[in-house]
């Protein structure tokens, strides 16, 4: 007996981090957030990284966010930002590798757009 099976996988992204908090420590912005423990289907999950993005526009909803850095913990310090930025907005995204695209973050460079970063991490397939 031969049985042919076929299926497709579904990428279920992590939930967004909650309780994003930004505190100025001198000229450094210290960004903290709560740990993500579930995906968007409420299943348990541990992110591989947290990706930190920034936007220096006065109207962040109309602008793009740019890659700043990644973190494995629950905080990131943006050094000396208080010296040169009147406004700064941040977005933190939890990222789970799931065996697709690139797990090596060395291809990510500060200043890349959020779309460019996600294309690299998702293997240029447009998965969000």
PDB file of N, CA and C in Angstrom:
ATOM      1  N   UNK A   1       0.851  -1.169   0.000  1.00  0.00           N
ATOM      2  CA  UNK A   1       0.000   0.000   0.000  1.00  0.00           C
ATOM      3  C   UNK A   1       0.897   1.232   0.000  1.00  0.00           C
ATOM      4  N   UNK A   2       0.655   2.132  -0.898  1.00  0.00           N
ATOM      5  CA  UNK A   2       1.350   3.405  -0.928  1.00  0.00           C
ATOM      6  C   UNK A   2       0.371   4.496  -0.535  1.00  0.00           C
ATOM      7  N   UNK A   3       0.828   5.316   0.361  1.00  0.00           N
ATOM      8  CA  UNK A   3       0.013   6.441   0.785  1.00  0.00           C
ATOM      9  C   UNK A   3       0.799   7.711   0.488  1.00  0.00           C
ATOM     10  N   UNK A   4       0.222   8.591  -0.257  1.00  0.00           N
ATOM     11  CA  UNK A   4       0.865   9.858  -0.583  1.00  0.00           C
ATOM     12  C   UNK A   4       0.297  10.935   0.331  1.00  0.00           C
ATOM     13  N   UNK A   5       1.195  11.575   1.023  1.00  0.00           N
ATOM     14  CA  UNK A   5       0.785  12.649   1.917  1.00  0.00           C
ATOM     15  C   UNK A   5       1.330  13.963   1.407  1.00  0.00           C
ATOM     16  N   UNK A   6       0.559  14.962   1.593  1.00  0.00           N
ATOM     17  CA  UNK A   6       0.988  16.294   1.202  1.00  0.00           C
ATOM     18  C   UNK A   6       0.491  17.270   2.262  1.00  0.00           C
ATOM     19  N   UNK A   7       1.278  18.263   2.526  1.00  0.00           N
ATOM     20  CA  UNK A   7       0.856  19.246   3.513  1.00  0.00           C
ATOM     21  C   UNK A   7       1.632  20.530   3.357  1.00  0.00           C
ATOM     22  N   UNK A   8       1.168  21.517   4.046  1.00  0.00           N
ATOM     23  CA  UNK A   8       1.865  22.798   4.066  1.00  0.00           C
ATOM     24  C   UNK A   8       1.997  23.232   5.507  1.00  0.00           C
ATOM     25  N   UNK A   9       3.055  23.934   5.771  1.00  0.00           N
ATOM     26  CA  UNK A   9       3.275  24.455   7.108  1.00  0.00           C
ATOM     27  C   UNK A   9       2.761  25.880   7.212  1.00  0.00           C
ATOM     28  N   UNK A  10       2.497  26.260   8.410  1.00  0.00           N
ATOM     29  CA  UNK A  10       2.029  27.618   8.648  1.00  0.00           C
ATOM     30  C   UNK A  10       2.991  28.301   9.605  1.00  0.00           C
ATOM     31  N   UNK A  11       3.483  29.462   9.213  1.00  0.00           N
ATOM     32  CA  UNK A  11       4.333  30.254  10.078  1.00  0.00           C
ATOM     33  C   UNK A  11       3.428  31.066  10.988  1.00  0.00           C
ATOM     34  N   UNK A  12       3.578  30.845  12.277  1.00  0.00           N
ATOM     35  CA  UNK A  12       2.785  31.587  13.253  1.00  0.00           C
ATOM     36  C   UNK A  12       3.745  32.495  14.013  1.00  0.00           C
ATOM     37  N   UNK A  13       3.671  33.796  13.759  1.00  0.00           N
ATOM     38  CA  UNK A  13       4.640  34.711  14.364  1.00  0.00           C
ATOM     39  C   UNK A  13       4.439  34.870  15.867  1.00  0.00           C
ATOM     40  N   UNK A  14       5.501  35.257  16.550  1.00  0.00           N
ATOM     41  CA  UNK A  14       5.374  35.567  17.976  1.00  0.00           C
ATOM     42  C   UNK A  14       4.460  36.774  18.175  1.00  0.00           C
ATOM     43  N   UNK A  15       3.837  36.825  19.333  1.00  0.00           N
ATOM     44  CA  UNK A  15       3.071  38.018  19.687  1.00  0.00           C
ATOM     45  C   UNK A  15       4.038  39.185  19.825  1.00  0.00           C
ATOM     46  N   UNK A  16       3.544  40.397  19.697  1.00  0.00           N
ATOM     47  CA  UNK A  16       4.428  41.548  19.909  1.00  0.00           C
ATOM     48  C   UNK A  16       4.784  41.706  21.386  1.00  0.00           C
ATOM     49  N   UNK A  17       5.969  42.211  21.668  1.00  0.00           N
ATOM     50  CA  UNK A  17       6.329  42.488  23.059  1.00  0.00           C
ATOM     51  C   UNK A  17       5.379  43.540  23.645  1.00  0.00           C
ATOM     52  N   UNK A  18       5.082  43.395  24.906  1.00  0.00           N
ATOM     53  CA  UNK A  18       4.211  44.353  25.590  1.00  0.00           C
ATOM     54  C   UNK A  18       5.016  45.159  26.590  1.00  0.00           C
ATOM     55  N   UNK A  19       4.414  46.241  27.032  1.00  0.00           N
ATOM     56  CA  UNK A  19       4.982  47.126  28.058  1.00  0.00           C
ATOM     57  C   UNK A  19       6.347  47.674  27.671  1.00  0.00           C
ATOM     58  N   UNK A  20       6.444  48.148  26.430  1.00  0.00           N
ATOM     59  CA  UNK A  20       7.662  48.814  25.981  1.00  0.00           C
ATOM     60  C   UNK A  20       7.842  50.076  26.812  1.00  0.00           C
ATOM     61  N   UNK A  21       9.017  50.243  27.374  1.00  0.00           N
ATOM     62  CA  UNK A  21       9.301  51.376  28.242  1.00  0.00           C
ATOM     63  C   UNK A  21      10.639  51.987  27.824  1.00  0.00           C
ATOM     64  N   UNK A  22      10.670  53.324  27.774  1.00  0.00           N
ATOM     65  CA  UNK A  22      11.886  54.029  27.388  1.00  0.00           C
ATOM     66  C   UNK A  22      12.214  55.028  28.486  1.00  0.00           C
ATOM     67  N   UNK A  23      13.431  54.944  28.997  1.00  0.00           N
ATOM     68  CA  UNK A  23      13.894  55.843  30.048  1.00  0.00           C
ATOM     69  C   UNK A  23      15.221  56.430  29.599  1.00  0.00           C
ATOM     70  N   UNK A  24      15.368  57.724  29.758  1.00  0.00           N
ATOM     71  CA  UNK A  24      16.644  58.360  29.433  1.00  0.00           C
ATOM     72  C   UNK A  24      17.587  58.225  30.622  1.00  0.00           C
ATOM     73  N   UNK A  25      18.789  57.755  30.359  1.00  0.00           N
ATOM     74  CA  UNK A  25      19.862  57.661  31.346  1.00  0.00           C
ATOM     75  C   UNK A  25      20.990  58.540  30.812  1.00  0.00           C
ATOM     76  N   UNK A  26      20.988  59.809  31.210  1.00  0.00           N
ATOM     77  CA  UNK A  26      21.896  60.769  30.597  1.00  0.00           C
ATOM     78  C   UNK A  26      21.456  60.989  29.166  1.00  0.00           C
ATOM     79  N   UNK A  27      22.335  60.737  28.209  1.00  0.00           N
ATOM     80  CA  UNK A  27      21.993  60.856  26.785  1.00  0.00           C
ATOM     81  C   UNK A  27      21.658  59.515  26.141  1.00  0.00           C
ATOM     82  N   UNK A  28      21.594  58.462  26.942  1.00  0.00           N
ATOM     83  CA  UNK A  28      21.279  57.127  26.437  1.00  0.00           C
ATOM     84  C   UNK A  28      19.800  56.815  26.655  1.00  0.00           C
ATOM     85  N   UNK A  29      19.166  56.221  25.651  1.00  0.00           N
ATOM     86  CA  UNK A  29      17.789  55.748  25.804  1.00  0.00           C
ATOM     87  C   UNK A  29      17.848  54.271  26.181  1.00  0.00           C
ATOM     88  N   UNK A  30      17.296  53.917  27.324  1.00  0.00           N
ATOM     89  CA  UNK A  30      17.240  52.528  27.774  1.00  0.00           C
ATOM     90  C   UNK A  30      15.834  52.018  27.483  1.00  0.00           C
ATOM     91  N   UNK A  31      15.745  51.024  26.598  1.00  0.00           N
ATOM     92  CA  UNK A  31      14.471  50.478  26.138  1.00  0.00           C
ATOM     93  C   UNK A  31      14.295  49.109  26.771  1.00  0.00           C
ATOM     94  N   UNK A  32      13.164  48.891  27.423  1.00  0.00           N
ATOM     95  CA  UNK A  32      12.872  47.588  28.028  1.00  0.00           C
ATOM     96  C   UNK A  32      11.483  47.132  27.586  1.00  0.00           C
ATOM     97  N   UNK A  33      11.240  45.825  27.683  1.00  0.00           N
ATOM     98  CA  UNK A  33       9.950  45.246  27.304  1.00  0.00           C
ATOM     99  C   UNK A  33       9.765  43.947  28.051  1.00  0.00           C
ATOM    100  N   UNK A  34       8.519  43.465  28.052  1.00  0.00           N
ATOM    101  CA  UNK A  34       8.210  42.180  28.692  1.00  0.00           C
ATOM    102  C   UNK A  34       8.547  41.032  27.739  1.00  0.00           C
ATOM    103  N   UNK A  35       8.882  39.894  28.306  1.00  0.00           N
ATOM    104  CA  UNK A  35       9.201  38.703  27.507  1.00  0.00           C
ATOM    105  C   UNK A  35       7.972  38.239  26.734  1.00  0.00           C
ATOM    106  N   UNK A  36       8.194  37.825  25.505  1.00  0.00           N
ATOM    107  CA  UNK A  36       7.148  37.205  24.699  1.00  0.00           C
ATOM    108  C   UNK A  36       7.191  35.715  24.989  1.00  0.00           C
ATOM    109  N   UNK A  37       6.053  35.133  25.314  1.00  0.00           N
ATOM    110  CA  UNK A  37       6.007  33.712  25.671  1.00  0.00           C
ATOM    111  C   UNK A  37       5.037  32.916  24.801  1.00  0.00           C
ATOM    112  N   UNK A  38       4.350  33.609  23.872  1.00  0.00           N
ATOM    113  CA  UNK A  38       3.362  32.917  23.038  1.00  0.00           C
ATOM    114  C   UNK A  38       3.404  33.445  21.614  1.00  0.00           C
ATOM    115  N   UNK A  39       2.930  32.611  20.691  1.00  0.00           N
ATOM    116  CA  UNK A  39       2.749  33.084  19.326  1.00  0.00           C
ATOM    117  C   UNK A  39       1.334  33.660  19.197  1.00  0.00           C
ATOM    118  N   UNK A  40       0.978  34.100  17.997  1.00  0.00           N
ATOM    119  CA  UNK A  40      -0.319  34.750  17.810  1.00  0.00           C
ATOM    120  C   UNK A  40      -1.499  33.777  17.922  1.00  0.00           C
ATOM    121  N   UNK A  41      -1.219  32.483  18.031  1.00  0.00           N
ATOM    122  CA  UNK A  41      -2.275  31.480  18.273  1.00  0.00           C
ATOM    123  C   UNK A  41      -2.295  31.033  19.734  1.00  0.00           C
ATOM    124  N   UNK A  42      -1.608  31.799  20.592  1.00  0.00           N
ATOM    125  CA  UNK A  42      -1.539  31.539  22.032  1.00  0.00           C
ATOM    126  C   UNK A  42      -0.853  30.222  22.390  1.00  0.00           C
ATOM    127  N   UNK A  43       0.033  29.740  21.521  1.00  0.00           N
ATOM    128  CA  UNK A  43       0.837  28.559  21.829  1.00  0.00           C
ATOM    129  C   UNK A  43       2.161  29.033  22.417  1.00  0.00           C
ATOM    130  N   UNK A  44       2.743  28.232  23.303  1.00  0.00           N
ATOM    131  CA  UNK A  44       3.999  28.611  23.944  1.00  0.00           C
ATOM    132  C   UNK A  44       5.111  28.764  22.916  1.00  0.00           C
ATOM    133  N   UNK A  45       5.957  29.744  23.140  1.00  0.00           N
ATOM    134  CA  UNK A  45       7.019  30.053  22.202  1.00  0.00           C
ATOM    135  C   UNK A  45       8.082  30.865  22.926  1.00  0.00           C
ATOM    136  N   UNK A  46       9.331  30.654  22.557  1.00  0.00           N
ATOM    137  CA  UNK A  46      10.433  31.473  23.041  1.00  0.00           C
ATOM    138  C   UNK A  46      11.106  32.085  21.821  1.00  0.00           C
ATOM    139  N   UNK A  47      11.094  33.413  21.685  1.00  0.00           N
ATOM    140  CA  UNK A  47      11.740  34.041  20.526  1.00  0.00           C
ATOM    141  C   UNK A  47      13.247  33.792  20.523  1.00  0.00           C
ATOM    142  N   UNK A  48      13.828  33.773  19.333  1.00  0.00           N
ATOM    143  CA  UNK A  48      15.280  33.668  19.208  1.00  0.00           C
ATOM    144  C   UNK A  48      15.934  35.025  19.464  1.00  0.00           C
ATOM    145  N   UNK A  49      15.283  36.084  19.007  1.00  0.00           N
ATOM    146  CA  UNK A  49      15.815  37.438  19.130  1.00  0.00           C
ATOM    147  C   UNK A  49      14.674  38.433  19.291  1.00  0.00           C
ATOM    148  N   UNK A  50      15.029  39.583  19.785  1.00  0.00           N
ATOM    149  CA  UNK A  50      14.161  40.750  19.725  1.00  0.00           C
ATOM    150  C   UNK A  50      14.876  41.742  18.819  1.00  0.00           C
ATOM    151  N   UNK A  51      14.185  42.238  17.818  1.00  0.00           N
ATOM    152  CA  UNK A  51      14.757  43.193  16.879  1.00  0.00           C
ATOM    153  C   UNK A  51      14.287  44.591  17.254  1.00  0.00           C
ATOM    154  N   UNK A  52      15.217  45.518  17.396  1.00  0.00           N
ATOM    155  CA  UNK A  52      14.901  46.885  17.806  1.00  0.00           C
ATOM    156  C   UNK A  52      15.006  47.795  16.583  1.00  0.00           C
ATOM    157  N   UNK A  53      13.924  48.529  16.312  1.00  0.00           N
ATOM    158  CA  UNK A  53      13.850  49.472  15.202  1.00  0.00           C
ATOM    159  C   UNK A  53      13.600  50.868  15.751  1.00  0.00           C
ATOM    160  N   UNK A  54      13.970  51.890  14.981  1.00  0.00           N
ATOM    161  CA  UNK A  54      13.767  53.268  15.414  1.00  0.00           C
ATOM    162  C   UNK A  54      13.209  54.110  14.269  1.00  0.00           C
ATOM    163  N   UNK A  55      12.612  55.239  14.657  1.00  0.00           N
ATOM    164  CA  UNK A  55      12.135  56.235  13.715  1.00  0.00           C
ATOM    165  C   UNK A  55      12.322  57.576  14.381  1.00  0.00           C
ATOM    166  N   UNK A  56      13.060  58.471  13.752  1.00  0.00           N
ATOM    167  CA  UNK A  56      13.322  59.789  14.317  1.00  0.00           C
ATOM    168  C   UNK A  56      12.378  60.861  13.822  1.00  0.00           C
ATOM    169  N   UNK A  57      11.324  60.488  13.121  1.00  0.00           N
ATOM    170  CA  UNK A  57      10.372  61.438  12.569  1.00  0.00           C
ATOM    171  C   UNK A  57       9.456  62.009  13.649  1.00  0.00           C
ATOM    172  N   UNK A  58       8.937  63.185  13.409  1.00  0.00           N
ATOM    173  CA  UNK A  58       7.938  63.759  14.316  1.00  0.00           C
ATOM    174  C   UNK A  58       6.597  63.048  14.173  1.00  0.00           C
ATOM    175  N   UNK A  59       6.412  62.324  13.071  1.00  0.00           N
ATOM    176  CA  UNK A  59       5.164  61.608  12.802  1.00  0.00           C
ATOM    177  C   UNK A  59       5.483  60.148  12.511  1.00  0.00           C
ATOM    178  N   UNK A  60       5.696  59.333  13.532  1.00  0.00           N
ATOM    179  CA  UNK A  60       6.169  57.961  13.301  1.00  0.00           C
ATOM    180  C   UNK A  60       5.198  57.090  12.519  1.00  0.00           C
ATOM    181  N   UNK A  61       3.902  57.379  12.576  1.00  0.00           N
ATOM    182  CA  UNK A  61       2.949  56.554  11.837  1.00  0.00           C
ATOM    183  C   UNK A  61       3.093  56.733  10.332  1.00  0.00           C
ATOM    184  N   UNK A  62       3.646  57.868   9.904  1.00  0.00           N
ATOM    185  CA  UNK A  62       3.814  58.129   8.476  1.00  0.00           C
ATOM    186  C   UNK A  62       5.202  57.747   7.980  1.00  0.00           C
ATOM    187  N   UNK A  63       6.078  57.349   8.871  1.00  0.00           N
ATOM    188  CA  UNK A  63       7.455  57.064   8.475  1.00  0.00           C
ATOM    189  C   UNK A  63       7.791  55.596   8.578  1.00  0.00           C
ATOM    190  N   UNK A  64       8.958  55.285   8.099  1.00  0.00           N
ATOM    191  CA  UNK A  64       9.455  53.914   8.170  1.00  0.00           C
ATOM    192  C   UNK A  64      10.282  53.748   9.435  1.00  0.00           C
ATOM    193  N   UNK A  65      10.398  52.523   9.863  1.00  0.00           N
ATOM    194  CA  UNK A  65      11.261  52.190  10.986  1.00  0.00           C
ATOM    195  C   UNK A  65      12.517  51.527  10.433  1.00  0.00           C
ATOM    196  N   UNK A  66      13.642  51.790  11.113  1.00  0.00           N
ATOM    197  CA  UNK A  66      14.938  51.318  10.653  1.00  0.00           C
ATOM    198  C   UNK A  66      15.599  50.464  11.723  1.00  0.00           C
ATOM    199  N   UNK A  67      16.296  49.458  11.270  1.00  0.00           N
ATOM    200  CA  UNK A  67      16.964  48.520  12.171  1.00  0.00           C
ATOM    201  C   UNK A  67      18.027  49.232  12.995  1.00  0.00           C
ATOM    202  N   UNK A  68      17.978  48.985  14.276  1.00  0.00           N
ATOM    203  CA  UNK A  68      18.978  49.535  15.186  1.00  0.00           C
ATOM    204  C   UNK A  68      19.900  48.422  15.669  1.00  0.00           C
ATOM    205  N   UNK A  69      19.311  47.361  16.231  1.00  0.00           N
ATOM    206  CA  UNK A  69      20.116  46.252  16.734  1.00  0.00           C
ATOM    207  C   UNK A  69      19.187  45.121  17.146  1.00  0.00           C
ATOM    208  N   UNK A  70      19.789  44.006  17.546  1.00  0.00           N
ATOM    209  CA  UNK A  70      19.022  42.872  18.056  1.00  0.00           C
ATOM    210  C   UNK A  70      19.450  42.594  19.486  1.00  0.00           C
ATOM    211  N   UNK A  71      18.587  41.933  20.199  1.00  0.00           N
ATOM    212  CA  UNK A  71      18.867  41.592  21.599  1.00  0.00           C
ATOM    213  C   UNK A  71      18.297  40.208  21.879  1.00  0.00           C
ATOM    214  N   UNK A  72      18.959  39.466  22.750  1.00  0.00           N
ATOM    215  CA  UNK A  72      18.401  38.194  23.208  1.00  0.00           C
ATOM    216  C   UNK A  72      17.728  38.381  24.566  1.00  0.00           C
ATOM    217  N   UNK A  73      18.032  39.486  25.220  1.00  0.00           N
ATOM    218  CA  UNK A  73      17.422  39.796  26.513  1.00  0.00           C
ATOM    219  C   UNK A  73      16.243  40.736  26.343  1.00  0.00           C
ATOM    220  N   UNK A  74      15.871  41.370  27.438  1.00  0.00           N
ATOM    221  CA  UNK A  74      14.661  42.188  27.463  1.00  0.00           C
ATOM    222  C   UNK A  74      14.965  43.677  27.557  1.00  0.00           C
ATOM    223  N   UNK A  75      16.140  44.081  27.081  1.00  0.00           N
ATOM    224  CA  UNK A  75      16.465  45.504  27.091  1.00  0.00           C
ATOM    225  C   UNK A  75      17.525  45.810  26.037  1.00  0.00           C
ATOM    226  N   UNK A  76      17.580  47.075  25.685  1.00  0.00           N
ATOM    227  CA  UNK A  76      18.588  47.562  24.753  1.00  0.00           C
ATOM    228  C   UNK A  76      18.856  49.018  25.108  1.00  0.00           C
ATOM    229  N   UNK A  77      20.107  49.430  25.056  1.00  0.00           N
ATOM    230  CA  UNK A  77      20.469  50.823  25.299  1.00  0.00           C
ATOM    231  C   UNK A  77      20.909  51.452  23.990  1.00  0.00           C
ATOM    232  N   UNK A  78      20.205  52.514  23.591  1.00  0.00           N
ATOM    233  CA  UNK A  78      20.567  53.275  22.395  1.00  0.00           C
ATOM    234  C   UNK A  78      21.502  54.386  22.864  1.00  0.00           C
ATOM    235  N   UNK A  79      22.808  54.211  22.640  1.00  0.00           N
ATOM    236  CA  UNK A  79      23.777  55.147  23.209  1.00  0.00           C
ATOM    237  C   UNK A  79      23.749  56.529  22.561  1.00  0.00           C
ATOM    238  N   UNK A  80      23.853  57.528  23.393  1.00  0.00           N
ATOM    239  CA  UNK A  80      24.036  58.926  23.004  1.00  0.00           C
ATOM    240  C   UNK A  80      22.946  59.493  22.102  1.00  0.00           C
ATOM    241  N   UNK A  81      21.805  58.861  22.031  1.00  0.00           N
ATOM    242  CA  UNK A  81      20.731  59.337  21.160  1.00  0.00           C
ATOM    243  C   UNK A  81      20.218  60.703  21.601  1.00  0.00           C
ATOM    244  N   UNK A  82      20.312  61.003  22.880  1.00  0.00           N
ATOM    245  CA  UNK A  82      19.853  62.292  23.380  1.00  0.00           C
ATOM    246  C   UNK A  82      20.669  63.470  22.885  1.00  0.00           C
ATOM    247  N   UNK A  83      21.857  63.210  22.376  1.00  0.00           N
ATOM    248  CA  UNK A  83      22.706  64.289  21.866  1.00  0.00           C
ATOM    249  C   UNK A  83      22.281  64.792  20.491  1.00  0.00           C
ATOM    250  N   UNK A  84      21.601  63.949  19.711  1.00  0.00           N
ATOM    251  CA  UNK A  84      21.340  64.325  18.326  1.00  0.00           C
ATOM    252  C   UNK A  84      19.916  64.096  17.847  1.00  0.00           C
ATOM    253  N   UNK A  85      19.026  63.647  18.684  1.00  0.00           N
ATOM    254  CA  UNK A  85      17.662  63.379  18.225  1.00  0.00           C
ATOM    255  C   UNK A  85      16.647  64.110  19.092  1.00  0.00           C
ATOM    256  N   UNK A  86      15.853  64.952  18.440  1.00  0.00           N
ATOM    257  CA  UNK A  86      14.806  65.653  19.167  1.00  0.00           C
ATOM    258  C   UNK A  86      13.660  64.704  19.506  1.00  0.00           C
ATOM    259  N   UNK A  87      13.311  63.837  18.559  1.00  0.00           N
ATOM    260  CA  UNK A  87      12.264  62.831  18.753  1.00  0.00           C
ATOM    261  C   UNK A  87      12.837  61.477  18.348  1.00  0.00           C
ATOM    262  N   UNK A  88      12.451  60.440  19.061  1.00  0.00           N
ATOM    263  CA  UNK A  88      12.852  59.096  18.668  1.00  0.00           C
ATOM    264  C   UNK A  88      11.748  58.145  19.109  1.00  0.00           C
ATOM    265  N   UNK A  89      11.325  57.314  18.175  1.00  0.00           N
ATOM    266  CA  UNK A  89      10.299  56.317  18.447  1.00  0.00           C
ATOM    267  C   UNK A  89      10.921  54.948  18.195  1.00  0.00           C
ATOM    268  N   UNK A  90      10.466  53.967  18.953  1.00  0.00           N
ATOM    269  CA  UNK A  90      11.043  52.629  18.857  1.00  0.00           C
ATOM    270  C   UNK A  90       9.954  51.586  18.647  1.00  0.00           C
ATOM    271  N   UNK A  91      10.331  50.541  17.957  1.00  0.00           N
ATOM    272  CA  UNK A  91       9.473  49.377  17.762  1.00  0.00           C
ATOM    273  C   UNK A  91      10.350  48.165  18.059  1.00  0.00           C
ATOM    274  N   UNK A  92       9.820  47.222  18.829  1.00  0.00           N
ATOM    275  CA  UNK A  92      10.533  45.984  19.129  1.00  0.00           C
ATOM    276  C   UNK A  92       9.697  44.831  18.591  1.00  0.00           C
ATOM    277  N   UNK A  93      10.347  43.951  17.853  1.00  0.00           N
ATOM    278  CA  UNK A  93       9.676  42.795  17.253  1.00  0.00           C
ATOM    279  C   UNK A  93      10.333  41.528  17.780  1.00  0.00           C
ATOM    280  N   UNK A  94       9.532  40.592  18.254  1.00  0.00           N
ATOM    281  CA  UNK A  94      10.046  39.279  18.636  1.00  0.00           C
ATOM    282  C   UNK A  94      10.197  38.455  17.360  1.00  0.00           C
ATOM    283  N   UNK A  95      11.328  37.758  17.223  1.00  0.00           N
ATOM    284  CA  UNK A  95      11.608  36.985  16.016  1.00  0.00           C
ATOM    285  C   UNK A  95      11.927  35.541  16.376  1.00  0.00           C
ATOM    286  N   UNK A  96      11.270  34.618  15.695  1.00  0.00           N
ATOM    287  CA  UNK A  96      11.522  33.184  15.844  1.00  0.00           C
ATOM    288  C   UNK A  96      11.984  32.654  14.499  1.00  0.00           C
ATOM    289  N   UNK A  97      13.096  31.951  14.473  1.00  0.00           N
ATOM    290  CA  UNK A  97      13.727  31.505  13.238  1.00  0.00           C
ATOM    291  C   UNK A  97      12.873  30.501  12.454  1.00  0.00           C
ATOM    292  N   UNK A  98      12.396  29.442  13.043  1.00  0.00           N
ATOM    293  CA  UNK A  98      11.559  28.418  12.398  1.00  0.00           C
ATOM    294  C   UNK A  98      12.223  27.743  11.194  1.00  0.00           C
ATOM    295  N   UNK A  99      13.547  27.851  11.028  1.00  0.00           N
ATOM    296  CA  UNK A  99      14.227  27.154   9.950  1.00  0.00           C
ATOM    297  C   UNK A  99      14.038  27.759   8.574  1.00  0.00           C
ATOM    298  N   UNK A 100      13.621  28.996   8.477  1.00  0.00           N
ATOM    299  CA  UNK A 100      13.430  29.627   7.177  1.00  0.00           C
ATOM    300  C   UNK A 100      14.382  30.817   7.063  1.00  0.00           C
ATOM    301  N   UNK A 101      14.720  31.187   5.871  1.00  0.00           N
ATOM    302  CA  UNK A 101      15.554  32.368   5.682  1.00  0.00           C
ATOM    303  C   UNK A 101      16.913  32.214   6.333  1.00  0.00           C
ATOM    304  N   UNK A 102      17.339  33.246   7.026  1.00  0.00           N
ATOM    305  CA  UNK A 102      18.668  33.270   7.628  1.00  0.00           C
ATOM    306  C   UNK A 102      18.577  33.427   9.137  1.00  0.00           C
ATOM    307  N   UNK A 103      19.285  32.581   9.847  1.00  0.00           N
ATOM    308  CA  UNK A 103      19.355  32.728  11.295  1.00  0.00           C
ATOM    309  C   UNK A 103      20.552  33.608  11.677  1.00  0.00           C
ATOM    310  N   UNK A 104      21.448  33.813  10.727  1.00  0.00           N
ATOM    311  CA  UNK A 104      22.637  34.614  10.955  1.00  0.00           C
ATOM    312  C   UNK A 104      22.288  36.090  10.799  1.00  0.00           C
ATOM    313  N   UNK A 105      22.358  36.832  11.886  1.00  0.00           N
ATOM    314  CA  UNK A 105      21.980  38.234  11.849  1.00  0.00           C
ATOM    315  C   UNK A 105      23.120  39.136  11.380  1.00  0.00           C
ATOM    316  N   UNK A 106      24.265  38.574  10.994  1.00  0.00           N
ATOM    317  CA  UNK A 106      25.391  39.400  10.562  1.00  0.00           C
ATOM    318  C   UNK A 106      25.089  40.157   9.268  1.00  0.00           C
ATOM    319  N   UNK A 107      24.095  39.702   8.510  1.00  0.00           N
ATOM    320  CA  UNK A 107      23.716  40.399   7.278  1.00  0.00           C
ATOM    321  C   UNK A 107      22.912  41.664   7.565  1.00  0.00           C
ATOM    322  N   UNK A 108      22.431  41.817   8.787  1.00  0.00           N
ATOM    323  CA  UNK A 108      21.638  42.986   9.150  1.00  0.00           C
ATOM    324  C   UNK A 108      22.557  44.127   9.544  1.00  0.00           C
ATOM    325  N   UNK A 109      22.296  45.278   8.976  1.00  0.00           N
ATOM    326  CA  UNK A 109      23.113  46.459   9.250  1.00  0.00           C
ATOM    327  C   UNK A 109      22.226  47.568   9.790  1.00  0.00           C
ATOM    328  N   UNK A 110      22.688  48.295  10.819  1.00  0.00           N
ATOM    329  CA  UNK A 110      21.903  49.422  11.323  1.00  0.00           C
ATOM    330  C   UNK A 110      21.548  50.383  10.187  1.00  0.00           C
ATOM    331  N   UNK A 111      20.300  50.838  10.195  1.00  0.00           N
ATOM    332  CA  UNK A 111      19.804  51.739   9.165  1.00  0.00           C
ATOM    333  C   UNK A 111      19.014  51.058   8.073  1.00  0.00           C
ATOM    334  N   UNK A 112      19.046  49.713   8.009  1.00  0.00           N
ATOM    335  CA  UNK A 112      18.239  48.997   7.027  1.00  0.00           C
ATOM    336  C   UNK A 112      16.764  49.187   7.387  1.00  0.00           C
ATOM    337  N   UNK A 113      15.915  49.254   6.375  1.00  0.00           N
ATOM    338  CA  UNK A 113      14.485  49.385   6.644  1.00  0.00           C
ATOM    339  C   UNK A 113      13.951  48.091   7.254  1.00  0.00           C
ATOM    340  N   UNK A 114      12.843  48.227   7.950  1.00  0.00           N
ATOM    341  CA  UNK A 114      12.209  47.051   8.548  1.00  0.00           C
ATOM    342  C   UNK A 114      11.880  46.017   7.471  1.00  0.00           C
ATOM    343  N   UNK A 115      11.413  46.461   6.302  1.00  0.00           N
ATOM    344  CA  UNK A 115      11.083  45.537   5.208  1.00  0.00           C
ATOM    345  C   UNK A 115      12.325  44.786   4.725  1.00  0.00           C
ATOM    346  N   UNK A 116      13.456  45.488   4.598  1.00  0.00           N
ATOM    347  CA  UNK A 116      14.699  44.829   4.173  1.00  0.00           C
ATOM    348  C   UNK A 116      15.129  43.772   5.180  1.00  0.00           C
ATOM    349  N   UNK A 117      15.037  44.092   6.446  1.00  0.00           N
ATOM    350  CA  UNK A 117      15.414  43.147   7.498  1.00  0.00           C
ATOM    351  C   UNK A 117      14.531  41.910   7.444  1.00  0.00           C
ATOM    352  N   UNK A 118      13.231  42.102   7.337  1.00  0.00           N
ATOM    353  CA  UNK A 118      12.333  40.955   7.326  1.00  0.00           C
ATOM    354  C   UNK A 118      12.512  40.119   6.063  1.00  0.00           C
ATOM    355  N   UNK A 119      12.832  40.745   4.933  1.00  0.00           N
ATOM    356  CA  UNK A 119      13.124  39.980   3.717  1.00  0.00           C
ATOM    357  C   UNK A 119      14.314  39.055   3.933  1.00  0.00           C
ATOM    358  N   UNK A 120      15.371  39.560   4.548  1.00  0.00           N
ATOM    359  CA  UNK A 120      16.557  38.745   4.813  1.00  0.00           C
ATOM    360  C   UNK A 120      16.219  37.609   5.775  1.00  0.00           C
ATOM    361  N   UNK A 121      15.545  37.934   6.860  1.00  0.00           N
ATOM    362  CA  UNK A 121      15.251  36.925   7.871  1.00  0.00           C
ATOM    363  C   UNK A 121      14.229  35.897   7.402  1.00  0.00           C
ATOM    364  N   UNK A 122      13.355  36.280   6.497  1.00  0.00           N
ATOM    365  CA  UNK A 122      12.328  35.355   6.033  1.00  0.00           C
ATOM    366  C   UNK A 122      12.668  34.702   4.704  1.00  0.00           C
ATOM    367  N   UNK A 123      13.895  34.882   4.251  1.00  0.00           N
ATOM    368  CA  UNK A 123      14.321  34.210   3.016  1.00  0.00           C
ATOM    369  C   UNK A 123      13.757  34.821   1.758  1.00  0.00           C
ATOM    370  N   UNK A 124      13.478  36.142   1.756  1.00  0.00           N
ATOM    371  CA  UNK A 124      12.997  36.858   0.576  1.00  0.00           C
ATOM    372  C   UNK A 124      11.697  36.303   0.022  1.00  0.00           C
ATOM    373  N   UNK A 125      10.860  35.723   0.875  1.00  0.00           N
ATOM    374  CA  UNK A 125       9.605  35.161   0.390  1.00  0.00           C
ATOM    375  C   UNK A 125       8.399  36.006   0.751  1.00  0.00           C
ATOM    376  N   UNK A 126       8.617  37.130   1.394  1.00  0.00           N
ATOM    377  CA  UNK A 126       7.507  38.010   1.731  1.00  0.00           C
ATOM    378  C   UNK A 126       6.685  37.548   2.924  1.00  0.00           C
ATOM    379  N   UNK A 127       7.194  36.627   3.709  1.00  0.00           N
ATOM    380  CA  UNK A 127       6.470  36.145   4.885  1.00  0.00           C
ATOM    381  C   UNK A 127       6.563  37.190   5.973  1.00  0.00           C
ATOM    382  N   UNK A 128       5.475  37.482   6.619  1.00  0.00           N
ATOM    383  CA  UNK A 128       5.503  38.429   7.732  1.00  0.00           C
ATOM    384  C   UNK A 128       5.009  37.766   8.994  1.00  0.00           C
TER     385      UNK A 128
END
